[in-house]
């Protein structure tokens, strides 16, 4: 559900898209950080921290009212996911 929000956001207006992305990314990051508390999976801390930082960046973009990285937040979301699972694998 969160990934759908992140990848659907570029098809909305700039402000609406940024709001959807920021909220979805913040929810994903919060879930992962809380899940780390419960299960201690290494990927949870990487994805939770990465998505929380991405959410802060998206909220800053929302405050400015424009995209700073040319609507590539969905790609950044995926990169954090890949890095988290790579960390888990290592």
PDB file of N, CA and C in Angstrom:
ATOM      1  N   UNK A   1       0.828  -1.196   0.000  1.00  0.00           N
ATOM      2  CA  UNK A   1       0.000   0.000   0.000  1.00  0.00           C
ATOM      3  C   UNK A   1       0.871   1.258   0.000  1.00  0.00           C
ATOM      4  N   UNK A   2       1.924   1.249   0.813  1.00  0.00           N
ATOM      5  CA  UNK A   2       2.809   2.408   0.889  1.00  0.00           C
ATOM      6  C   UNK A   2       3.550   2.598  -0.421  1.00  0.00           C
ATOM      7  N   UNK A   3       4.030   1.501  -1.015  1.00  0.00           N
ATOM      8  CA  UNK A   3       4.745   1.590  -2.289  1.00  0.00           C
ATOM      9  C   UNK A   3       3.826   2.116  -3.388  1.00  0.00           C
ATOM     10  N   UNK A   4       2.564   1.753  -3.357  1.00  0.00           N
ATOM     11  CA  UNK A   4       1.613   2.271  -4.349  1.00  0.00           C
ATOM     12  C   UNK A   4       1.506   3.782  -4.209  1.00  0.00           C
ATOM     13  N   UNK A   5       1.436   4.266  -2.971  1.00  0.00           N
ATOM     14  CA  UNK A   5       1.376   5.711  -2.736  1.00  0.00           C
ATOM     15  C   UNK A   5       2.611   6.421  -3.241  1.00  0.00           C
ATOM     16  N   UNK A   6       3.778   5.827  -3.001  1.00  0.00           N
ATOM     17  CA  UNK A   6       5.033   6.450  -3.425  1.00  0.00           C
ATOM     18  C   UNK A   6       5.127   6.502  -4.942  1.00  0.00           C
ATOM     19  N   UNK A   7       4.720   5.430  -5.616  1.00  0.00           N
ATOM     20  CA  UNK A   7       4.861   5.396  -7.071  1.00  0.00           C
ATOM     21  C   UNK A   7       3.679   6.015  -7.810  1.00  0.00           C
ATOM     22  N   UNK A   8       2.557   6.241  -7.137  1.00  0.00           N
ATOM     23  CA  UNK A   8       1.425   6.932  -7.757  1.00  0.00           C
ATOM     24  C   UNK A   8       1.583   8.443  -7.643  1.00  0.00           C
ATOM     25  N   UNK A   9       2.358   8.884  -6.679  1.00  0.00           N
ATOM     26  CA  UNK A   9       2.503  10.311  -6.405  1.00  0.00           C
ATOM     27  C   UNK A   9       2.994  11.137  -7.593  1.00  0.00           C
ATOM     28  N   UNK A  10       3.905  10.638  -8.443  1.00  0.00           N
ATOM     29  CA  UNK A  10       4.344  11.462  -9.564  1.00  0.00           C
ATOM     30  C   UNK A  10       3.236  11.805 -10.564  1.00  0.00           C
ATOM     31  N   UNK A  11       2.134  11.084 -10.503  1.00  0.00           N
ATOM     32  CA  UNK A  11       1.034  11.338 -11.424  1.00  0.00           C
ATOM     33  C   UNK A  11       0.048  12.366 -10.876  1.00  0.00           C
ATOM     34  N   UNK A  12       0.297  12.865  -9.680  1.00  0.00           N
ATOM     35  CA  UNK A  12      -0.540  13.896  -9.063  1.00  0.00           C
ATOM     36  C   UNK A  12       0.101  15.261  -9.272  1.00  0.00           C
ATOM     37  N   UNK A  13      -0.570  16.298  -8.814  1.00  0.00           N
ATOM     38  CA  UNK A  13       0.054  17.620  -8.856  1.00  0.00           C
ATOM     39  C   UNK A  13       1.276  17.610  -7.941  1.00  0.00           C
ATOM     40  N   UNK A  14       2.141  18.580  -8.096  1.00  0.00           N
ATOM     41  CA  UNK A  14       3.402  18.580  -7.354  1.00  0.00           C
ATOM     42  C   UNK A  14       3.162  18.549  -5.847  1.00  0.00           C
ATOM     43  N   UNK A  15       2.350  19.443  -5.338  1.00  0.00           N
ATOM     44  CA  UNK A  15       2.124  19.496  -3.887  1.00  0.00           C
ATOM     45  C   UNK A  15       1.425  18.241  -3.371  1.00  0.00           C
ATOM     46  N   UNK A  16       0.399  17.779  -4.078  1.00  0.00           N
ATOM     47  CA  UNK A  16      -0.313  16.569  -3.652  1.00  0.00           C
ATOM     48  C   UNK A  16       0.606  15.356  -3.716  1.00  0.00           C
ATOM     49  N   UNK A  17       1.400  15.273  -4.771  1.00  0.00           N
ATOM     50  CA  UNK A  17       2.340  14.162  -4.904  1.00  0.00           C
ATOM     51  C   UNK A  17       3.374  14.151  -3.800  1.00  0.00           C
ATOM     52  N   UNK A  18       3.903  15.315  -3.477  1.00  0.00           N
ATOM     53  CA  UNK A  18       4.889  15.404  -2.396  1.00  0.00           C
ATOM     54  C   UNK A  18       4.276  15.037  -1.053  1.00  0.00           C
ATOM     55  N   UNK A  19       3.046  15.453  -0.824  1.00  0.00           N
ATOM     56  CA  UNK A  19       2.378  15.122   0.438  1.00  0.00           C
ATOM     57  C   UNK A  19       2.155  13.615   0.553  1.00  0.00           C
ATOM     58  N   UNK A  20       1.688  12.988  -0.515  1.00  0.00           N
ATOM     59  CA  UNK A  20       1.456  11.541  -0.503  1.00  0.00           C
ATOM     60  C   UNK A  20       2.774  10.799  -0.291  1.00  0.00           C
ATOM     61  N   UNK A  21       3.810  11.203  -1.014  1.00  0.00           N
ATOM     62  CA  UNK A  21       5.117  10.560  -0.877  1.00  0.00           C
ATOM     63  C   UNK A  21       5.667  10.708   0.539  1.00  0.00           C
ATOM     64  N   UNK A  22       5.595  11.911   1.072  1.00  0.00           N
ATOM     65  CA  UNK A  22       6.152  12.167   2.400  1.00  0.00           C
ATOM     66  C   UNK A  22       5.428  11.354   3.472  1.00  0.00           C
ATOM     67  N   UNK A  23       4.119  11.311   3.413  1.00  0.00           N
ATOM     68  CA  UNK A  23       3.349  10.556   4.404  1.00  0.00           C
ATOM     69  C   UNK A  23       3.600   9.061   4.262  1.00  0.00           C
ATOM     70  N   UNK A  24       3.595   8.560   3.022  1.00  0.00           N
ATOM     71  CA  UNK A  24       3.825   7.125   2.799  1.00  0.00           C
ATOM     72  C   UNK A  24       5.222   6.720   3.249  1.00  0.00           C
ATOM     73  N   UNK A  25       6.218   7.531   2.935  1.00  0.00           N
ATOM     74  CA  UNK A  25       7.588   7.209   3.314  1.00  0.00           C
ATOM     75  C   UNK A  25       7.757   7.287   4.829  1.00  0.00           C
ATOM     76  N   UNK A  26       7.136   8.267   5.462  1.00  0.00           N
ATOM     77  CA  UNK A  26       7.207   8.373   6.921  1.00  0.00           C
ATOM     78  C   UNK A  26       6.551   7.170   7.590  1.00  0.00           C
ATOM     79  N   UNK A  27       5.418   6.725   7.059  1.00  0.00           N
ATOM     80  CA  UNK A  27       4.758   5.535   7.618  1.00  0.00           C
ATOM     81  C   UNK A  27       5.636   4.296   7.464  1.00  0.00           C
ATOM     82  N   UNK A  28       6.264   4.139   6.303  1.00  0.00           N
ATOM     83  CA  UNK A  28       7.142   2.985   6.084  1.00  0.00           C
ATOM     84  C   UNK A  28       8.333   3.032   7.038  1.00  0.00           C
ATOM     85  N   UNK A  29       8.945   4.193   7.183  1.00  0.00           N
ATOM     86  CA  UNK A  29      10.086   4.330   8.074  1.00  0.00           C
ATOM     87  C   UNK A  29       9.720   4.078   9.527  1.00  0.00           C
ATOM     88  N   UNK A  30       8.595   4.600   9.946  1.00  0.00           N
ATOM     89  CA  UNK A  30       8.132   4.405  11.322  1.00  0.00           C
ATOM     90  C   UNK A  30       7.849   2.937  11.591  1.00  0.00           C
ATOM     91  N   UNK A  31       7.186   2.293  10.638  1.00  0.00           N
ATOM     92  CA  UNK A  31       6.893   0.864  10.801  1.00  0.00           C
ATOM     93  C   UNK A  31       8.187   0.064  10.955  1.00  0.00           C
ATOM     94  N   UNK A  32       9.164   0.332  10.098  1.00  0.00           N
ATOM     95  CA  UNK A  32      10.419  -0.426  10.156  1.00  0.00           C
ATOM     96  C   UNK A  32      11.169  -0.178  11.462  1.00  0.00           C
ATOM     97  N   UNK A  33      11.209   1.056  11.915  1.00  0.00           N
ATOM     98  CA  UNK A  33      11.903   1.343  13.170  1.00  0.00           C
ATOM     99  C   UNK A  33      11.210   0.678  14.358  1.00  0.00           C
ATOM    100  N   UNK A  34       9.889   0.697  14.373  1.00  0.00           N
ATOM    101  CA  UNK A  34       9.154   0.016  15.442  1.00  0.00           C
ATOM    102  C   UNK A  34       9.310  -1.505  15.341  1.00  0.00           C
ATOM    103  N   UNK A  35       9.350  -2.003  14.118  1.00  0.00           N
ATOM    104  CA  UNK A  35       9.532  -3.438  13.919  1.00  0.00           C
ATOM    105  C   UNK A  35      10.932  -3.870  14.362  1.00  0.00           C
ATOM    106  N   UNK A  36      11.925  -3.010  14.188  1.00  0.00           N
ATOM    107  CA  UNK A  36      13.271  -3.334  14.653  1.00  0.00           C
ATOM    108  C   UNK A  36      13.268  -3.532  16.166  1.00  0.00           C
ATOM    109  N   UNK A  37      12.515  -2.737  16.870  1.00  0.00           N
ATOM    110  CA  UNK A  37      12.408  -2.854  18.324  1.00  0.00           C
ATOM    111  C   UNK A  37      11.917  -4.257  18.704  1.00  0.00           C
ATOM    112  N   UNK A  38      11.002  -4.794  17.878  1.00  0.00           N
ATOM    113  CA  UNK A  38      10.389  -6.085  18.168  1.00  0.00           C
ATOM    114  C   UNK A  38      11.243  -7.255  17.701  1.00  0.00           C
ATOM    115  N   UNK A  39      11.739  -7.223  16.462  1.00  0.00           N
ATOM    116  CA  UNK A  39      12.356  -8.422  15.889  1.00  0.00           C
ATOM    117  C   UNK A  39      13.877  -8.361  15.751  1.00  0.00           C
ATOM    118  N   UNK A  40      14.468  -7.169  15.826  1.00  0.00           N
ATOM    119  CA  UNK A  40      15.922  -6.989  15.739  1.00  0.00           C
ATOM    120  C   UNK A  40      16.517  -7.428  14.400  1.00  0.00           C
ATOM    121  N   UNK A  41      15.730  -7.371  13.328  1.00  0.00           N
ATOM    122  CA  UNK A  41      16.253  -7.669  11.992  1.00  0.00           C
ATOM    123  C   UNK A  41      17.110  -6.493  11.534  1.00  0.00           C
ATOM    124  N   UNK A  42      18.323  -6.757  11.050  1.00  0.00           N
ATOM    125  CA  UNK A  42      19.214  -5.659  10.652  1.00  0.00           C
ATOM    126  C   UNK A  42      18.646  -4.766   9.544  1.00  0.00           C
ATOM    127  N   UNK A  43      17.885  -5.356   8.617  1.00  0.00           N
ATOM    128  CA  UNK A  43      17.364  -4.521   7.530  1.00  0.00           C
ATOM    129  C   UNK A  43      16.359  -3.487   8.035  1.00  0.00           C
ATOM    130  N   UNK A  44      15.721  -3.761   9.163  1.00  0.00           N
ATOM    131  CA  UNK A  44      14.729  -2.817   9.692  1.00  0.00           C
ATOM    132  C   UNK A  44      15.369  -1.489  10.098  1.00  0.00           C
ATOM    133  N   UNK A  45      16.541  -1.546  10.684  1.00  0.00           N
ATOM    134  CA  UNK A  45      17.183  -0.297  11.105  1.00  0.00           C
ATOM    135  C   UNK A  45      17.673   0.489   9.895  1.00  0.00           C
ATOM    136  N   UNK A  46      18.154  -0.216   8.863  1.00  0.00           N
ATOM    137  CA  UNK A  46      18.634   0.471   7.656  1.00  0.00           C
ATOM    138  C   UNK A  46      17.464   1.083   6.895  1.00  0.00           C
ATOM    139  N   UNK A  47      16.431   0.294   6.646  1.00  0.00           N
ATOM    140  CA  UNK A  47      15.287   0.827   5.894  1.00  0.00           C
ATOM    141  C   UNK A  47      14.537   1.876   6.710  1.00  0.00           C
ATOM    142  N   UNK A  48      14.377   1.650   8.015  1.00  0.00           N
ATOM    143  CA  UNK A  48      13.671   2.622   8.851  1.00  0.00           C
ATOM    144  C   UNK A  48      14.376   3.961   8.902  1.00  0.00           C
ATOM    145  N   UNK A  49      15.682   3.934   9.084  1.00  0.00           N
ATOM    146  CA  UNK A  49      16.452   5.180   9.118  1.00  0.00           C
ATOM    147  C   UNK A  49      16.482   5.846   7.756  1.00  0.00           C
ATOM    148  N   UNK A  50      16.703   5.053   6.718  1.00  0.00           N
ATOM    149  CA  UNK A  50      16.755   5.606   5.358  1.00  0.00           C
ATOM    150  C   UNK A  50      15.446   6.239   4.949  1.00  0.00           C
ATOM    151  N   UNK A  51      14.345   5.557   5.217  1.00  0.00           N
ATOM    152  CA  UNK A  51      13.042   6.108   4.844  1.00  0.00           C
ATOM    153  C   UNK A  51      12.653   7.287   5.716  1.00  0.00           C
ATOM    154  N   UNK A  52      13.057   7.298   6.967  1.00  0.00           N
ATOM    155  CA  UNK A  52      12.777   8.460   7.821  1.00  0.00           C
ATOM    156  C   UNK A  52      13.516   9.695   7.300  1.00  0.00           C
ATOM    157  N   UNK A  53      14.779   9.512   6.886  1.00  0.00           N
ATOM    158  CA  UNK A  53      15.531  10.648   6.321  1.00  0.00           C
ATOM    159  C   UNK A  53      14.927  11.095   4.992  1.00  0.00           C
ATOM    160  N   UNK A  54      14.495  10.130   4.169  1.00  0.00           N
ATOM    161  CA  UNK A  54      13.852  10.475   2.902  1.00  0.00           C
ATOM    162  C   UNK A  54      12.545  11.229   3.154  1.00  0.00           C
ATOM    163  N   UNK A  55      11.794  10.825   4.172  1.00  0.00           N
ATOM    164  CA  UNK A  55      10.543  11.518   4.511  1.00  0.00           C
ATOM    165  C   UNK A  55      10.817  12.953   4.940  1.00  0.00           C
ATOM    166  N   UNK A  56      11.857  13.169   5.731  1.00  0.00           N
ATOM    167  CA  UNK A  56      12.217  14.539   6.125  1.00  0.00           C
ATOM    168  C   UNK A  56      12.560  15.383   4.896  1.00  0.00           C
ATOM    169  N   UNK A  57      13.284  14.794   3.971  1.00  0.00           N
ATOM    170  CA  UNK A  57      13.624  15.497   2.728  1.00  0.00           C
ATOM    171  C   UNK A  57      12.359  15.821   1.938  1.00  0.00           C
ATOM    172  N   UNK A  58      11.421  14.868   1.866  1.00  0.00           N
ATOM    173  CA  UNK A  58      10.177  15.102   1.134  1.00  0.00           C
ATOM    174  C   UNK A  58       9.322  16.169   1.807  1.00  0.00           C
ATOM    175  N   UNK A  59       9.299  16.200   3.142  1.00  0.00           N
ATOM    176  CA  UNK A  59       8.571  17.265   3.831  1.00  0.00           C
ATOM    177  C   UNK A  59       9.226  18.626   3.585  1.00  0.00           C
ATOM    178  N   UNK A  60      10.549  18.661   3.482  1.00  0.00           N
ATOM    179  CA  UNK A  60      11.237  19.910   3.148  1.00  0.00           C
ATOM    180  C   UNK A  60      10.859  20.350   1.734  1.00  0.00           C
ATOM    181  N   UNK A  61      10.793  19.406   0.806  1.00  0.00           N
ATOM    182  CA  UNK A  61      10.359  19.730  -0.555  1.00  0.00           C
ATOM    183  C   UNK A  61       8.928  20.253  -0.553  1.00  0.00           C
ATOM    184  N   UNK A  62       8.083  19.622   0.248  1.00  0.00           N
ATOM    185  CA  UNK A  62       6.690  20.067   0.341  1.00  0.00           C
ATOM    186  C   UNK A  62       6.624  21.490   0.873  1.00  0.00           C
ATOM    187  N   UNK A  63       7.455  21.799   1.861  1.00  0.00           N
ATOM    188  CA  UNK A  63       7.501  23.158   2.395  1.00  0.00           C
ATOM    189  C   UNK A  63       7.940  24.175   1.349  1.00  0.00           C
ATOM    190  N   UNK A  64       8.869  23.761   0.489  1.00  0.00           N
ATOM    191  CA  UNK A  64       9.316  24.642  -0.592  1.00  0.00           C
ATOM    192  C   UNK A  64       8.314  24.693  -1.740  1.00  0.00           C
ATOM    193  N   UNK A  65       7.489  23.652  -1.838  1.00  0.00           N
ATOM    194  CA  UNK A  65       6.490  23.600  -2.895  1.00  0.00           C
ATOM    195  C   UNK A  65       7.024  23.147  -4.237  1.00  0.00           C
ATOM    196  N   UNK A  66       8.186  22.495  -4.235  1.00  0.00           N
ATOM    197  CA  UNK A  66       8.733  22.008  -5.507  1.00  0.00           C
ATOM    198  C   UNK A  66       9.657  20.822  -5.252  1.00  0.00           C
ATOM    199  N   UNK A  67       9.854  20.054  -6.310  1.00  0.00           N
ATOM    200  CA  UNK A  67      10.765  18.914  -6.235  1.00  0.00           C
ATOM    201  C   UNK A  67      12.198  19.386  -6.411  1.00  0.00           C
ATOM    202  N   UNK A  68      13.080  18.840  -5.607  1.00  0.00           N
ATOM    203  CA  UNK A  68      14.493  19.173  -5.722  1.00  0.00           C
ATOM    204  C   UNK A  68      15.266  18.107  -6.492  1.00  0.00           C
ATOM    205  N   UNK A  69      14.717  16.897  -6.585  1.00  0.00           N
ATOM    206  CA  UNK A  69      15.413  15.831  -7.307  1.00  0.00           C
ATOM    207  C   UNK A  69      14.573  15.289  -8.458  1.00  0.00           C
ATOM    208  N   UNK A  70      13.808  16.139  -9.095  1.00  0.00           N
ATOM    209  CA  UNK A  70      13.075  15.816 -10.320  1.00  0.00           C
ATOM    210  C   UNK A  70      12.171  14.594 -10.178  1.00  0.00           C
ATOM    211  N   UNK A  71      11.386  14.565  -9.121  1.00  0.00           N
ATOM    212  CA  UNK A  71      10.378  13.526  -8.886  1.00  0.00           C
ATOM    213  C   UNK A  71      10.953  12.113  -8.900  1.00  0.00           C
ATOM    214  N   UNK A  72      12.098  11.932  -8.301  1.00  0.00           N
ATOM    215  CA  UNK A  72      12.746  10.618  -8.242  1.00  0.00           C
ATOM    216  C   UNK A  72      12.682  10.015  -6.849  1.00  0.00           C
ATOM    217  N   UNK A  73      11.752  10.463  -6.032  1.00  0.00           N
ATOM    218  CA  UNK A  73      11.652   9.965  -4.673  1.00  0.00           C
ATOM    219  C   UNK A  73      11.301   8.480  -4.637  1.00  0.00           C
ATOM    220  N   UNK A  74      10.485   8.028  -5.602  1.00  0.00           N
ATOM    221  CA  UNK A  74      10.137   6.613  -5.680  1.00  0.00           C
ATOM    222  C   UNK A  74      11.364   5.748  -5.910  1.00  0.00           C
ATOM    223  N   UNK A  75      12.266   6.227  -6.742  1.00  0.00           N
ATOM    224  CA  UNK A  75      13.518   5.517  -6.977  1.00  0.00           C
ATOM    225  C   UNK A  75      14.375   5.505  -5.716  1.00  0.00           C
ATOM    226  N   UNK A  76      14.418   6.616  -5.008  1.00  0.00           N
ATOM    227  CA  UNK A  76      15.167   6.674  -3.749  1.00  0.00           C
ATOM    228  C   UNK A  76      14.574   5.697  -2.736  1.00  0.00           C
ATOM    229  N   UNK A  77      13.257   5.577  -2.699  1.00  0.00           N
ATOM    230  CA  UNK A  77      12.576   4.631  -1.812  1.00  0.00           C
ATOM    231  C   UNK A  77      13.043   3.204  -2.104  1.00  0.00           C
ATOM    232  N   UNK A  78      13.096   2.855  -3.397  1.00  0.00           N
ATOM    233  CA  UNK A  78      13.548   1.521  -3.797  1.00  0.00           C
ATOM    234  C   UNK A  78      15.016   1.289  -3.476  1.00  0.00           C
ATOM    235  N   UNK A  79      15.847   2.299  -3.665  1.00  0.00           N
ATOM    236  CA  UNK A  79      17.272   2.172  -3.371  1.00  0.00           C
ATOM    237  C   UNK A  79      17.483   1.866  -1.894  1.00  0.00           C
ATOM    238  N   UNK A  80      16.737   2.534  -1.029  1.00  0.00           N
ATOM    239  CA  UNK A  80      16.836   2.256   0.413  1.00  0.00           C
ATOM    240  C   UNK A  80      16.422   0.815   0.693  1.00  0.00           C
ATOM    241  N   UNK A  81      15.369   0.346   0.040  1.00  0.00           N
ATOM    242  CA  UNK A  81      14.916  -1.028   0.227  1.00  0.00           C
ATOM    243  C   UNK A  81      15.996  -2.026  -0.199  1.00  0.00           C
ATOM    244  N   UNK A  82      16.611  -1.803  -1.348  1.00  0.00           N
ATOM    245  CA  UNK A  82      17.658  -2.701  -1.843  1.00  0.00           C
ATOM    246  C   UNK A  82      18.868  -2.679  -0.905  1.00  0.00           C
ATOM    247  N   UNK A  83      19.256  -1.495  -0.451  1.00  0.00           N
ATOM    248  CA  UNK A  83      20.381  -1.393   0.481  1.00  0.00           C
ATOM    249  C   UNK A  83      20.096  -2.113   1.804  1.00  0.00           C
ATOM    250  N   UNK A  84      18.863  -2.009   2.263  1.00  0.00           N
ATOM    251  CA  UNK A  84      18.489  -2.675   3.511  1.00  0.00           C
ATOM    252  C   UNK A  84      18.599  -4.189   3.386  1.00  0.00           C
ATOM    253  N   UNK A  85      18.105  -4.737   2.307  1.00  0.00           N
ATOM    254  CA  UNK A  85      18.178  -6.187   2.153  1.00  0.00           C
ATOM    255  C   UNK A  85      19.578  -6.658   1.810  1.00  0.00           C
ATOM    256  N   UNK A  86      20.360  -5.823   1.141  1.00  0.00           N
ATOM    257  CA  UNK A  86      21.772  -6.156   0.914  1.00  0.00           C
ATOM    258  C   UNK A  86      22.517  -6.198   2.249  1.00  0.00           C
ATOM    259  N   UNK A  87      22.222  -5.243   3.126  1.00  0.00           N
ATOM    260  CA  UNK A  87      22.822  -5.235   4.456  1.00  0.00           C
ATOM    261  C   UNK A  87      22.442  -6.490   5.229  1.00  0.00           C
ATOM    262  N   UNK A  88      21.194  -6.883   5.132  1.00  0.00           N
ATOM    263  CA  UNK A  88      20.716  -8.106   5.800  1.00  0.00           C
ATOM    264  C   UNK A  88      21.441  -9.332   5.268  1.00  0.00           C
ATOM    265  N   UNK A  89      21.659  -9.378   3.964  1.00  0.00           N
ATOM    266  CA  UNK A  89      22.313 -10.526   3.341  1.00  0.00           C
ATOM    267  C   UNK A  89      23.767 -10.644   3.767  1.00  0.00           C
ATOM    268  N   UNK A  90      24.429  -9.506   3.863  1.00  0.00           N
ATOM    269  CA  UNK A  90      25.838  -9.495   4.255  1.00  0.00           C
ATOM    270  C   UNK A  90      25.943  -9.887   5.709  1.00  0.00           C
TER     271      UNK A  90
END
